[in-house]
Structures are given as structure tokens and as C-alpha cells.
């Protein structure tokens, strides 16, 4: 069962459920006692804990230092493993559940001279939050939102009437996809680029932005980009206790630590959320996550223990 990431879980009540777009609902959460929720920044997400030990990560569609309400958008997945299906079919206004405090692996650089935001499908949720923030502070920005159909567009009315937002609808474009190569190729090189959406869009985005400085390119994935490291054959040493745990074939670092009775934080178990990020004191990680930037990977001082392994015989962690 996933455990919280060193912060206590927060009990919330479902204050509202409203239609967002086809197969997408927007859920609003408040604390039952009416007190403020923890502050958040654009790009942040929360863990939502559901019955059956199900934990899912959803981006917040608003941010602020003082907020009494969180809102998330949830798309019903045709191949749901239980999360979106429960949210759509069983969750009701007045229900209570627990969530984590916000974490942010997809931060917005408000100081950038210009920001170009790309969203595909439900990937609009963190991008919408960034878009609203930039507009509120007068930041220069452009939004491109790609969707299969107008019926699938969340926040349709607000975006359709905004000159700085471009809606690309596949079924109104002869099935053609958004031309990321053309848009990014024509962009000013001092712009920061952000993208969240389905895997094909993210791959096309990364290809189009391959020549850009890494610190100006920001991507958020919903699915793992590499298989977890389960080859084993190394030892993890826990610096605080001196405990040594052998990682055998078929195990991740996290699964081995849990089997050894070590209480390590984790949530998604896919290298997507950052809950299990741990400081590396010695040894070279074999990175398999989608959270760390290229520069952070090169530094080799952090690791997602749920999916990454070790290239050295001994990996020393700050646990």
C-alpha cells in the first residue's frame, strides 16, 4: 500500500462535481472544517487516495498561496485500472477521502520573457493553471491546445474567445495533428516551452524542441518512459542506519526495501510523481524516471527508488 511522502495525508470533502468535457469531470475538494489547504504553484499535482489501496496523481487546475479549494480534472479511461472509473461512477458530492499535499515536478518559470504552452487532451489541466497564472501576472504567453474533437475540449468557452489561444481540433483539420515542428521552429529562442498530453504528442514535442536549451523545455508525462530497473545484482546501503539490502533480480530498490521492513515513501511506483525521490550519497544511479531533468540526472545525487537502479555494486542512500 502506498504511503504518504513524509507529509500527513489531508482529509477532504467533495464539494462539487461538474462536467468538463466528454468523459471528463472536474472535482472540487475542500477541508471539512473549512480551513485553508496547503499552498500550491502552477504545474503541481496531488495524490488522491481511493478505496482498494488505489492512489492516483492529478494536476491541480488552479494555484495560490491561500486557497480553500482544490480542483482537478479526471478523464474516464476506457482501460481504467480502477482510479478514473471509481471517480466517475462512485464518487459523490459530500464524499470524503484523503489527498497528499501538492508536489510540483512541472514548475512554471514566471520570469521567462515568453512562454509557449502546449496541451493535448486531459493534459490541459496543468497547462490551464499555468496559462491563468501567466495572464494574471501579465506574462507574455501563447497557448496551443490539441484535441480530437470540440466535444473533448475542457474550458472550451474561455479558450475559444481568447486571441492568444489556438484550438487545434483533429476532426476539423482533416485529421491532421498539431504541427509542433513548425510552431517551435518559428518561436523565439528565448521562449520557454511547456507540454503535457498523450505520449505521441510528447514525443513529437521533444523531437521538435531537441535543439533548445534543456532548461527551457518542460515536459510532464502521464505514463512511464522506461521499464523499471529490475536486473538487481547490487547492494543498497542506508546511511542513517547502516543497513545493507541486497537487490536481487526481479526487484526494484523500493520493493527490496519494503521486503526488508524499511519505511520509505512512495506513491505511483512508476517514476512519475516524485514521492520516492531519495538523496544519493555514493554510487551511480541507473535513472528510469520521468521526473528528473537532464541536469539533475547528470548530477547523480537523486534517485526515484521505485523504478531506478544502480550502475555500481553499492549505492548509498540518505535513508
C-alpha atoms as a PDB file:
ATOM      1  CA  UNK A   1       0.000   0.000   0.000  1.00  0.00           C
ATOM      2  CA  UNK A   2       1.452   3.411  -0.916  1.00  0.00           C
ATOM      3  CA  UNK A   3       2.499   5.603   1.963  1.00  0.00           C
ATOM      4  CA  UNK A   4       2.497   9.418   2.049  1.00  0.00           C
ATOM      5  CA  UNK A   5       5.653  11.319   1.191  1.00  0.00           C
ATOM      6  CA  UNK A   6       6.695  12.470   4.657  1.00  0.00           C
ATOM      7  CA  UNK A   7       3.655  14.728   4.935  1.00  0.00           C
ATOM      8  CA  UNK A   8       0.408  13.744   6.612  1.00  0.00           C
ATOM      9  CA  UNK A   9      -2.486  12.992   4.351  1.00  0.00           C
ATOM     10  CA  UNK A  10      -5.225  15.600   4.234  1.00  0.00           C
ATOM     11  CA  UNK A  11      -8.882  14.701   4.642  1.00  0.00           C
ATOM     12  CA  UNK A  12     -11.081  16.496   2.148  1.00  0.00           C
ATOM     13  CA  UNK A  13     -14.740  16.547   1.210  1.00  0.00           C
ATOM     14  CA  UNK A  14     -16.022  16.533  -2.353  1.00  0.00           C
ATOM     15  CA  UNK A  15     -17.600  19.970  -2.610  1.00  0.00           C
ATOM     16  CA  UNK A  16     -18.617  19.778  -6.259  1.00  0.00           C
ATOM     17  CA  UNK A  17     -18.556  17.634  -9.393  1.00  0.00           C
ATOM     18  CA  UNK A  18     -19.203  19.274 -12.742  1.00  0.00           C
ATOM     19  CA  UNK A  19     -18.995  18.427 -16.398  1.00  0.00           C
ATOM     20  CA  UNK A  20     -15.695  19.381 -18.036  1.00  0.00           C
ATOM     21  CA  UNK A  21     -15.943  17.771 -21.485  1.00  0.00           C
ATOM     22  CA  UNK A  22     -16.817  14.395 -22.934  1.00  0.00           C
ATOM     23  CA  UNK A  23     -15.712  11.750 -20.375  1.00  0.00           C
ATOM     24  CA  UNK A  24     -14.054  14.464 -18.254  1.00  0.00           C
ATOM     25  CA  UNK A  25     -15.344  15.666 -14.886  1.00  0.00           C
ATOM     26  CA  UNK A  26     -13.988  18.430 -12.686  1.00  0.00           C
ATOM     27  CA  UNK A  27     -13.875  17.599  -8.964  1.00  0.00           C
ATOM     28  CA  UNK A  28     -13.626  20.220  -6.224  1.00  0.00           C
ATOM     29  CA  UNK A  29     -12.240  19.388  -2.777  1.00  0.00           C
ATOM     30  CA  UNK A  30     -12.401  21.360   0.487  1.00  0.00           C
ATOM     31  CA  UNK A  31     -11.349  20.584   4.032  1.00  0.00           C
ATOM     32  CA  UNK A  32     -14.358  19.566   6.150  1.00  0.00           C
ATOM     33  CA  UNK A  33     -13.545  22.187   8.802  1.00  0.00           C
ATOM     34  CA  UNK A  34     -13.288  24.973   6.236  1.00  0.00           C
ATOM     35  CA  UNK A  35      -9.630  25.767   6.927  1.00  0.00           C
ATOM     36  CA  UNK A  36      -7.242  26.581   4.057  1.00  0.00           C
ATOM     37  CA  UNK A  37      -5.497  23.881   2.091  1.00  0.00           C
ATOM     38  CA  UNK A  38      -1.699  23.967   1.605  1.00  0.00           C
ATOM     39  CA  UNK A  39      -0.442  26.467  -0.991  1.00  0.00           C
ATOM     40  CA  UNK A  40       0.346  25.297  -4.495  1.00  0.00           C
ATOM     41  CA  UNK A  41       2.039  26.600  -7.632  1.00  0.00           C
ATOM     42  CA  UNK A  42       1.170  26.114 -11.323  1.00  0.00           C
ATOM     43  CA  UNK A  43       2.064  22.621 -12.518  1.00  0.00           C
ATOM     44  CA  UNK A  44       1.532  20.997  -9.111  1.00  0.00           C
ATOM     45  CA  UNK A  45      -0.327  17.736  -8.603  1.00  0.00           C
ATOM     46  CA  UNK A  46      -1.829  15.868  -5.674  1.00  0.00           C
ATOM     47  CA  UNK A  47      -2.157  12.197  -4.828  1.00  0.00           C
ATOM     48  CA  UNK A  48      -5.774  11.114  -4.465  1.00  0.00           C
ATOM     49  CA  UNK A  49      -6.237   8.054  -2.248  1.00  0.00           C
ATOM     50  CA  UNK A  50      -9.219   5.885  -3.175  1.00  0.00           C
ATOM     51  CA  UNK A  51     -10.688   2.649  -1.776  1.00  0.00           C
ATOM     52  CA  UNK A  52      -8.829  -0.549  -2.557  1.00  0.00           C
ATOM     53  CA  UNK A  53      -5.406   0.996  -1.926  1.00  0.00           C
ATOM     54  CA  UNK A  54      -5.673   2.920  -5.210  1.00  0.00           C
ATOM     55  CA  UNK A  55      -3.591   6.091  -5.439  1.00  0.00           C
ATOM     56  CA  UNK A  56      -3.682   8.332  -8.478  1.00  0.00           C
ATOM     57  CA  UNK A  57      -1.952  11.619  -9.312  1.00  0.00           C
ATOM     58  CA  UNK A  58      -3.981  14.525 -10.723  1.00  0.00           C
ATOM     59  CA  UNK A  59      -2.836  18.022 -11.656  1.00  0.00           C
ATOM     60  CA  UNK A  60      -4.421  20.992  -9.919  1.00  0.00           C
ATOM     61  CA  UNK A  61      -6.224  23.347 -12.262  1.00  0.00           C
ATOM     62  CA  UNK A  62      -5.705  26.335 -10.003  1.00  0.00           C
ATOM     63  CA  UNK A  63      -2.918  27.523  -7.724  1.00  0.00           C
ATOM     64  CA  UNK A  64      -2.378  30.015  -4.946  1.00  0.00           C
ATOM     65  CA  UNK A  65      -0.797  30.768  -1.618  1.00  0.00           C
ATOM     66  CA  UNK A  66      -4.137  30.891   0.181  1.00  0.00           C
ATOM     67  CA  UNK A  67      -6.835  28.607  -1.100  1.00  0.00           C
ATOM     68  CA  UNK A  68      -9.849  26.919   0.411  1.00  0.00           C
ATOM     69  CA  UNK A  69     -10.487  24.655  -2.557  1.00  0.00           C
ATOM     70  CA  UNK A  70      -8.591  22.327  -4.894  1.00  0.00           C
ATOM     71  CA  UNK A  71      -9.925  21.359  -8.314  1.00  0.00           C
ATOM     72  CA  UNK A  72      -8.773  18.559 -10.598  1.00  0.00           C
ATOM     73  CA  UNK A  73      -9.913  17.245 -13.969  1.00  0.00           C
ATOM     74  CA  UNK A  74     -10.313  13.493 -14.391  1.00  0.00           C
ATOM     75  CA  UNK A  75     -10.799  11.715 -17.716  1.00  0.00           C
ATOM     76  CA  UNK A  76     -12.581   8.366 -17.672  1.00  0.00           C
ATOM     77  CA  UNK A  77     -10.054   5.913 -19.095  1.00  0.00           C
ATOM     78  CA  UNK A  78     -11.528   3.152 -21.234  1.00  0.00           C
ATOM     79  CA  UNK A  79      -8.840   0.851 -19.781  1.00  0.00           C
ATOM     80  CA  UNK A  80      -9.192   2.181 -16.249  1.00  0.00           C
ATOM     81  CA  UNK A  81      -7.390   0.182 -13.574  1.00  0.00           C
ATOM     82  CA  UNK A  82      -9.867   1.463 -11.011  1.00  0.00           C
ATOM     83  CA  UNK A  83      -8.959   5.105 -10.420  1.00  0.00           C
ATOM     84  CA  UNK A  84     -10.874   7.106 -13.014  1.00  0.00           C
ATOM     85  CA  UNK A  85     -13.674   4.519 -13.032  1.00  0.00           C
ATOM     86  CA  UNK A  86     -14.228   4.987  -9.304  1.00  0.00           C
ATOM     87  CA  UNK A  87     -14.086   8.762  -9.580  1.00  0.00           C
ATOM     88  CA  UNK A  88     -16.650   8.869 -12.398  1.00  0.00           C
ATOM     89  CA  UNK A  89     -19.027   6.157 -11.248  1.00  0.00           C
ATOM     90  CA  UNK A  90     -18.909   6.069  -7.458  1.00  0.00           C
ATOM     91  CA  UNK A  91     -17.609   9.361  -6.055  1.00  0.00           C
ATOM     92  CA  UNK A  92     -20.386  11.711  -4.948  1.00  0.00           C
ATOM     93  CA  UNK A  93     -20.698  15.250  -3.627  1.00  0.00           C
ATOM     94  CA  UNK A  94     -20.282  15.027   0.143  1.00  0.00           C
ATOM     95  CA  UNK A  95     -17.946  12.025  -0.003  1.00  0.00           C
ATOM     96  CA  UNK A  96     -14.733  12.262   2.000  1.00  0.00           C
ATOM     97  CA  UNK A  97     -11.318  10.971   1.001  1.00  0.00           C
ATOM     98  CA  UNK A  98      -7.663  11.715   1.609  1.00  0.00           C
ATOM     99  CA  UNK A  99      -5.141  13.503  -0.561  1.00  0.00           C
ATOM    100  CA  UNK A 100      -1.496  14.484  -0.307  1.00  0.00           C
ATOM    101  CA  UNK A 101      -0.156  17.988  -0.127  1.00  0.00           C
ATOM    102  CA  UNK A 102       0.776  19.330  -3.586  1.00  0.00           C
ATOM    103  CA  UNK A 103       4.066  18.346  -5.224  1.00  0.00           C
ATOM    104  CA  UNK A 104       5.461  20.056  -8.288  1.00  0.00           C
ATOM    105  CA  UNK A 105       7.637  18.313 -10.875  1.00  0.00           C
ATOM    106  CA  UNK A 106       6.436  20.611 -13.671  1.00  0.00           C
ATOM    107  CA  UNK A 107       7.098  24.152 -12.388  1.00  0.00           C
ATOM    108  CA  UNK A 108       6.384  27.334 -14.298  1.00  0.00           C
ATOM    109  CA  UNK A 109       9.162  29.889 -14.792  1.00  0.00           C
ATOM    110  CA  UNK A 110       7.258  33.162 -14.431  1.00  0.00           C
ATOM    111  CA  UNK A 111      10.410  35.167 -15.194  1.00  0.00           C
ATOM    112  CA  UNK A 112      10.699  33.802 -18.745  1.00  0.00           C
ATOM    113  CA  UNK A 113      10.408  36.528 -21.409  1.00  0.00           C
ATOM    114  CA  UNK A 114       7.851  34.398 -23.263  1.00  0.00           C
ATOM    115  CA  UNK A 115       6.138  31.055 -22.619  1.00  0.00           C
ATOM    116  CA  UNK A 116       4.602  28.742 -25.200  1.00  0.00           C
ATOM    117  CA  UNK A 117       2.214  26.203 -23.713  1.00  0.00           C
ATOM    118  CA  UNK A 118       1.142  23.013 -25.497  1.00  0.00           C
ATOM    119  CA  UNK A 119      -1.628  20.742 -24.253  1.00  0.00           C
ATOM    120  CA  UNK A 120      -3.257  17.641 -25.631  1.00  0.00           C
ATOM    121  CA  UNK A 121      -6.487  16.170 -24.279  1.00  0.00           C
ATOM    122  CA  UNK A 122      -6.593  15.949 -20.478  1.00  0.00           C
ATOM    123  CA  UNK A 123      -3.040  17.364 -20.477  1.00  0.00           C
ATOM    124  CA  UNK A 124      -4.712  20.768 -20.402  1.00  0.00           C
ATOM    125  CA  UNK A 125      -5.124  20.552 -16.615  1.00  0.00           C
ATOM    126  CA  UNK A 126      -1.633  21.716 -15.528  1.00  0.00           C
ATOM    127  CA  UNK A 127      -1.288  23.882 -18.640  1.00  0.00           C
ATOM    128  CA  UNK A 128      -4.564  25.678 -17.843  1.00  0.00           C
ATOM    129  CA  UNK A 129      -3.222  26.512 -14.390  1.00  0.00           C
ATOM    130  CA  UNK A 130      -0.023  27.931 -15.915  1.00  0.00           C
ATOM    131  CA  UNK A 131      -1.994  29.861 -18.527  1.00  0.00           C
ATOM    132  CA  UNK A 132      -4.195  31.533 -15.921  1.00  0.00           C
ATOM    133  CA  UNK A 133      -1.213  32.400 -13.769  1.00  0.00           C
ATOM    134  CA  UNK A 134       0.691  33.995 -16.648  1.00  0.00           C
ATOM    135  CA  UNK A 135      -2.350  36.035 -17.627  1.00  0.00           C
ATOM    136  CA  UNK A 136      -2.828  37.214 -14.041  1.00  0.00           C
ATOM    137  CA  UNK A 137       0.767  38.498 -13.785  1.00  0.00           C
ATOM    138  CA  UNK A 138       0.921  39.904 -17.315  1.00  0.00           C
ATOM    139  CA  UNK A 139       3.372  37.292 -18.603  1.00  0.00           C
ATOM    140  CA  UNK A 140       3.862  37.005 -22.358  1.00  0.00           C
ATOM    141  CA  UNK A 141       2.456  33.661 -23.483  1.00  0.00           C
ATOM    142  CA  UNK A 142       0.783  31.632 -26.210  1.00  0.00           C
ATOM    143  CA  UNK A 143      -1.332  28.504 -25.765  1.00  0.00           C
ATOM    144  CA  UNK A 144      -1.869  25.668 -28.248  1.00  0.00           C
ATOM    145  CA  UNK A 145      -4.482  23.091 -27.252  1.00  0.00           C
ATOM    146  CA  UNK A 146      -4.921  19.987 -29.411  1.00  0.00           C
ATOM    147  CA  UNK A 147      -7.940  17.724 -29.111  1.00  0.00           C
ATOM    148  CA  UNK A 148      -9.673  15.094 -31.209  1.00  0.00           C
ATOM    149  CA  UNK A 149     -12.978  16.959 -31.220  1.00  0.00           C
ATOM    150  CA  UNK A 150     -14.606  20.112 -29.901  1.00  0.00           C
ATOM    151  CA  UNK A 151     -16.615  17.909 -27.539  1.00  0.00           C
ATOM    152  CA  UNK A 152     -13.367  16.872 -25.834  1.00  0.00           C
ATOM    153  CA  UNK A 153     -12.120  20.410 -25.113  1.00  0.00           C
ATOM    154  CA  UNK A 154     -12.108  21.406 -21.452  1.00  0.00           C
ATOM    155  CA  UNK A 155     -12.538  25.160 -20.790  1.00  0.00           C
ATOM    156  CA  UNK A 156     -13.785  25.488 -24.350  1.00  0.00           C
ATOM    157  CA  UNK A 157     -15.681  28.762 -23.975  1.00  0.00           C
ATOM    158  CA  UNK A 158     -12.822  30.597 -22.254  1.00  0.00           C
ATOM    159  CA  UNK A 159     -10.230  29.456 -24.783  1.00  0.00           C
ATOM    160  CA  UNK A 160     -12.330  29.829 -27.923  1.00  0.00           C
ATOM    161  CA  UNK A 161     -12.739  33.545 -27.178  1.00  0.00           C
ATOM    162  CA  UNK A 162      -9.079  34.237 -26.345  1.00  0.00           C
ATOM    163  CA  UNK A 163      -6.930  35.532 -29.204  1.00  0.00           C
ATOM    164  CA  UNK A 164      -3.771  34.170 -27.570  1.00  0.00           C
ATOM    165  CA  UNK A 165      -5.123  30.612 -27.502  1.00  0.00           C
ATOM    166  CA  UNK A 166      -5.168  28.305 -30.521  1.00  0.00           C
ATOM    167  CA  UNK A 167      -7.534  25.319 -30.535  1.00  0.00           C
ATOM    168  CA  UNK A 168      -6.494  22.540 -32.908  1.00  0.00           C
ATOM    169  CA  UNK A 169      -9.290  20.023 -33.479  1.00  0.00           C
ATOM    170  CA  UNK A 170      -8.290  16.906 -35.395  1.00  0.00           C
ATOM    171  CA  UNK A 171     -11.764  16.255 -36.800  1.00  0.00           C
ATOM    172  CA  UNK A 172     -11.956  19.825 -38.107  1.00  0.00           C
ATOM    173  CA  UNK A 173      -8.450  19.676 -39.612  1.00  0.00           C
ATOM    174  CA  UNK A 174      -8.912  16.681 -41.924  1.00  0.00           C
ATOM    175  CA  UNK A 175      -7.453  14.516 -39.185  1.00  0.00           C
ATOM    176  CA  UNK A 176      -4.161  16.396 -39.195  1.00  0.00           C
ATOM    177  CA  UNK A 177      -2.280  16.785 -35.915  1.00  0.00           C
ATOM    178  CA  UNK A 178      -0.870  19.988 -34.481  1.00  0.00           C
ATOM    179  CA  UNK A 179       2.343  20.891 -36.328  1.00  0.00           C
ATOM    180  CA  UNK A 180       4.706  21.203 -33.372  1.00  0.00           C
ATOM    181  CA  UNK A 181       7.786  21.287 -35.584  1.00  0.00           C
ATOM    182  CA  UNK A 182       6.514  24.353 -37.433  1.00  0.00           C
ATOM    183  CA  UNK A 183       5.379  26.212 -34.319  1.00  0.00           C
ATOM    184  CA  UNK A 184       8.537  25.565 -32.297  1.00  0.00           C
ATOM    185  CA  UNK A 185      10.753  26.180 -35.314  1.00  0.00           C
ATOM    186  CA  UNK A 186       9.287  29.678 -35.661  1.00  0.00           C
ATOM    187  CA  UNK A 187       9.420  30.500 -31.942  1.00  0.00           C
ATOM    188  CA  UNK A 188      11.789  32.999 -30.372  1.00  0.00           C
ATOM    189  CA  UNK A 189      14.775  31.163 -28.893  1.00  0.00           C
ATOM    190  CA  UNK A 190      14.366  32.882 -25.533  1.00  0.00           C
ATOM    191  CA  UNK A 191      10.930  31.331 -25.003  1.00  0.00           C
ATOM    192  CA  UNK A 192      10.242  28.568 -22.510  1.00  0.00           C
ATOM    193  CA  UNK A 193       8.298  25.608 -23.884  1.00  0.00           C
ATOM    194  CA  UNK A 194       5.833  23.511 -21.874  1.00  0.00           C
ATOM    195  CA  UNK A 195       3.945  20.411 -22.970  1.00  0.00           C
ATOM    196  CA  UNK A 196       1.558  17.948 -21.364  1.00  0.00           C
ATOM    197  CA  UNK A 197      -0.541  15.474 -23.282  1.00  0.00           C
ATOM    198  CA  UNK A 198      -0.676  11.957 -24.754  1.00  0.00           C
ATOM    199  CA  UNK A 199       2.548  10.103 -25.460  1.00  0.00           C
ATOM    200  CA  UNK A 200       2.698  10.676 -29.249  1.00  0.00           C
ATOM    201  CA  UNK A 201       2.345  14.420 -28.707  1.00  0.00           C
ATOM    202  CA  UNK A 202       5.063  14.454 -26.047  1.00  0.00           C
ATOM    203  CA  UNK A 203       7.461  12.533 -28.274  1.00  0.00           C
ATOM    204  CA  UNK A 204       6.785  14.913 -31.176  1.00  0.00           C
ATOM    205  CA  UNK A 205       7.279  17.874 -28.841  1.00  0.00           C
ATOM    206  CA  UNK A 206      10.625  16.604 -27.582  1.00  0.00           C
ATOM    207  CA  UNK A 207      11.778  15.968 -31.137  1.00  0.00           C
ATOM    208  CA  UNK A 208      10.754  19.461 -32.239  1.00  0.00           C
ATOM    209  CA  UNK A 209      12.489  21.026 -29.234  1.00  0.00           C
ATOM    210  CA  UNK A 210      15.620  18.849 -29.387  1.00  0.00           C
ATOM    211  CA  UNK A 211      17.903  21.763 -30.279  1.00  0.00           C
ATOM    212  CA  UNK A 212      16.641  24.004 -27.485  1.00  0.00           C
ATOM    213  CA  UNK A 213      18.453  24.512 -24.162  1.00  0.00           C
ATOM    214  CA  UNK A 214      17.228  21.836 -21.745  1.00  0.00           C
ATOM    215  CA  UNK A 215      16.366  24.418 -19.079  1.00  0.00           C
ATOM    216  CA  UNK A 216      13.829  25.990 -21.456  1.00  0.00           C
ATOM    217  CA  UNK A 217      11.990  22.759 -22.294  1.00  0.00           C
ATOM    218  CA  UNK A 218       9.488  21.383 -19.790  1.00  0.00           C
ATOM    219  CA  UNK A 219       7.502  18.156 -20.198  1.00  0.00           C
ATOM    220  CA  UNK A 220       5.111  16.250 -17.955  1.00  0.00           C
ATOM    221  CA  UNK A 221       4.424  12.603 -18.661  1.00  0.00           C
ATOM    222  CA  UNK A 222       1.384  10.586 -17.559  1.00  0.00           C
ATOM    223  CA  UNK A 223       2.970   7.222 -18.408  1.00  0.00           C
ATOM    224  CA  UNK A 224       6.442   5.744 -17.751  1.00  0.00           C
ATOM    225  CA  UNK A 225       9.060   6.257 -20.459  1.00  0.00           C
ATOM    226  CA  UNK A 226      11.335   3.388 -19.490  1.00  0.00           C
ATOM    227  CA  UNK A 227      10.953  -0.019 -17.897  1.00  0.00           C
ATOM    228  CA  UNK A 228      11.831  -0.219 -14.220  1.00  0.00           C
ATOM    229  CA  UNK A 229      15.352  -1.424 -13.374  1.00  0.00           C
ATOM    230  CA  UNK A 230      14.870  -4.961 -12.064  1.00  0.00           C
ATOM    231  CA  UNK A 231      18.149  -6.617 -13.048  1.00  0.00           C
ATOM    232  CA  UNK A 232      19.366  -6.452  -9.445  1.00  0.00           C
ATOM    233  CA  UNK A 233      22.882  -7.550  -8.602  1.00  0.00           C
ATOM    234  CA  UNK A 234      23.838  -4.642  -6.339  1.00  0.00           C
ATOM    235  CA  UNK A 235      23.572  -3.571  -2.713  1.00  0.00           C
ATOM    236  CA  UNK A 236      21.852  -0.527  -1.275  1.00  0.00           C
ATOM    237  CA  UNK A 237      23.356   0.876   1.905  1.00  0.00           C
ATOM    238  CA  UNK A 238      21.185   3.078   4.101  1.00  0.00           C
ATOM    239  CA  UNK A 239      23.474   5.743   5.536  1.00  0.00           C
ATOM    240  CA  UNK A 240      21.381   6.666   8.570  1.00  0.00           C
ATOM    241  CA  UNK A 241      21.072   3.147   9.965  1.00  0.00           C
ATOM    242  CA  UNK A 242      23.931   1.343   8.267  1.00  0.00           C
ATOM    243  CA  UNK A 243      21.506  -1.281   6.980  1.00  0.00           C
ATOM    244  CA  UNK A 244      22.533  -3.022   3.766  1.00  0.00           C
ATOM    245  CA  UNK A 245      19.936  -4.515   1.452  1.00  0.00           C
ATOM    246  CA  UNK A 246      20.808  -6.731  -1.494  1.00  0.00           C
ATOM    247  CA  UNK A 247      18.761  -6.065  -4.620  1.00  0.00           C
ATOM    248  CA  UNK A 248      18.210  -9.379  -6.366  1.00  0.00           C
ATOM    249  CA  UNK A 249      16.938  -9.910  -9.926  1.00  0.00           C
ATOM    250  CA  UNK A 250      13.248  -9.117 -10.240  1.00  0.00           C
ATOM    251  CA  UNK A 251      13.316  -6.462  -7.518  1.00  0.00           C
ATOM    252  CA  UNK A 252      13.295  -2.693  -7.621  1.00  0.00           C
ATOM    253  CA  UNK A 253      15.095  -0.813  -4.873  1.00  0.00           C
ATOM    254  CA  UNK A 254      11.723   0.100  -3.398  1.00  0.00           C
ATOM    255  CA  UNK A 255      10.362  -3.442  -3.374  1.00  0.00           C
ATOM    256  CA  UNK A 256      13.573  -4.728  -1.758  1.00  0.00           C
ATOM    257  CA  UNK A 257      13.480  -2.043   0.925  1.00  0.00           C
ATOM    258  CA  UNK A 258       9.837  -2.786   1.684  1.00  0.00           C
ATOM    259  CA  UNK A 259      10.587  -6.506   1.939  1.00  0.00           C
ATOM    260  CA  UNK A 260      13.333  -5.631   4.418  1.00  0.00           C
ATOM    261  CA  UNK A 261      10.900  -3.634   6.539  1.00  0.00           C
ATOM    262  CA  UNK A 262      12.240  -0.206   5.575  1.00  0.00           C
ATOM    263  CA  UNK A 263       9.584   2.526   5.662  1.00  0.00           C
ATOM    264  CA  UNK A 264      10.340   4.518   2.523  1.00  0.00           C
ATOM    265  CA  UNK A 265       7.867   6.982   0.974  1.00  0.00           C
ATOM    266  CA  UNK A 266       6.335   6.204  -2.402  1.00  0.00           C
ATOM    267  CA  UNK A 267       3.133   6.639  -4.355  1.00  0.00           C
ATOM    268  CA  UNK A 268       2.849   5.974  -8.118  1.00  0.00           C
ATOM    269  CA  UNK A 269       5.600   3.275  -8.316  1.00  0.00           C
ATOM    270  CA  UNK A 270       6.185   4.302 -11.944  1.00  0.00           C
ATOM    271  CA  UNK A 271       8.721   7.136 -11.648  1.00  0.00           C
ATOM    272  CA  UNK A 272       6.124   9.774 -12.456  1.00  0.00           C
ATOM    273  CA  UNK A 273       5.235  11.566  -9.235  1.00  0.00           C
ATOM    274  CA  UNK A 274       8.466  12.191  -7.320  1.00  0.00           C
ATOM    275  CA  UNK A 275       7.169  10.925  -3.969  1.00  0.00           C
ATOM    276  CA  UNK A 276      10.020   8.417  -3.584  1.00  0.00           C
ATOM    277  CA  UNK A 277      12.849  10.776  -4.566  1.00  0.00           C
ATOM    278  CA  UNK A 278      15.840   9.980  -2.371  1.00  0.00           C
ATOM    279  CA  UNK A 279      19.262  11.602  -1.977  1.00  0.00           C
ATOM    280  CA  UNK A 280      22.207   9.571  -3.301  1.00  0.00           C
ATOM    281  CA  UNK A 281      25.365   9.863  -1.201  1.00  0.00           C
ATOM    282  CA  UNK A 282      27.566   7.484  -3.187  1.00  0.00           C
ATOM    283  CA  UNK A 283      27.287   5.368  -6.319  1.00  0.00           C
ATOM    284  CA  UNK A 284      25.853   5.993  -9.783  1.00  0.00           C
ATOM    285  CA  UNK A 285      22.103   5.562 -10.298  1.00  0.00           C
ATOM    286  CA  UNK A 286      20.588   3.943 -13.362  1.00  0.00           C
ATOM    287  CA  UNK A 287      17.839   6.515 -13.916  1.00  0.00           C
ATOM    288  CA  UNK A 288      14.467   5.291 -15.243  1.00  0.00           C
ATOM    289  CA  UNK A 289      12.113   8.065 -14.055  1.00  0.00           C
ATOM    290  CA  UNK A 290      10.404  10.917 -15.908  1.00  0.00           C
ATOM    291  CA  UNK A 291      10.770  13.473 -13.092  1.00  0.00           C
ATOM    292  CA  UNK A 292      14.446  14.474 -13.050  1.00  0.00           C
ATOM    293  CA  UNK A 293      15.768  16.928 -15.614  1.00  0.00           C
ATOM    294  CA  UNK A 294      18.826  16.009 -17.723  1.00  0.00           C
ATOM    295  CA  UNK A 295      20.960  18.205 -15.465  1.00  0.00           C
ATOM    296  CA  UNK A 296      19.611  16.527 -12.324  1.00  0.00           C
ATOM    297  CA  UNK A 297      20.301  13.112 -13.795  1.00  0.00           C
ATOM    298  CA  UNK A 298      23.852  14.120 -14.669  1.00  0.00           C
ATOM    299  CA  UNK A 299      24.422  15.276 -11.075  1.00  0.00           C
ATOM    300  CA  UNK A 300      23.603  11.731  -9.859  1.00  0.00           C
ATOM    301  CA  UNK A 301      22.617  12.915  -6.393  1.00  0.00           C
ATOM    302  CA  UNK A 302      18.924  11.976  -6.566  1.00  0.00           C
ATOM    303  CA  UNK A 303      17.079   8.809  -7.449  1.00  0.00           C
ATOM    304  CA  UNK A 304      13.500   7.564  -7.763  1.00  0.00           C
ATOM    305  CA  UNK A 305      13.794   4.297  -5.877  1.00  0.00           C
ATOM    306  CA  UNK A 306      10.526   2.931  -7.267  1.00  0.00           C
ATOM    307  CA  UNK A 307      11.932   2.413 -10.755  1.00  0.00           C
ATOM    308  CA  UNK A 308      15.641   3.299 -10.984  1.00  0.00           C
ATOM    309  CA  UNK A 309      18.588   1.041 -10.225  1.00  0.00           C
ATOM    310  CA  UNK A 310      22.343   1.276  -9.799  1.00  0.00           C
ATOM    311  CA  UNK A 311      25.278   1.073 -12.206  1.00  0.00           C
ATOM    312  CA  UNK A 312      27.657   0.435  -9.290  1.00  0.00           C
ATOM    313  CA  UNK A 313      27.904  -2.532  -6.947  1.00  0.00           C
ATOM    314  CA  UNK A 314      26.982  -0.364  -3.953  1.00  0.00           C
ATOM    315  CA  UNK A 315      24.560   2.547  -3.856  1.00  0.00           C
ATOM    316  CA  UNK A 316      24.486   4.626  -0.651  1.00  0.00           C
ATOM    317  CA  UNK A 317      21.228   6.417   0.068  1.00  0.00           C
ATOM    318  CA  UNK A 318      20.287   9.052   2.629  1.00  0.00           C
ATOM    319  CA  UNK A 319      17.780   6.798   4.394  1.00  0.00           C
END
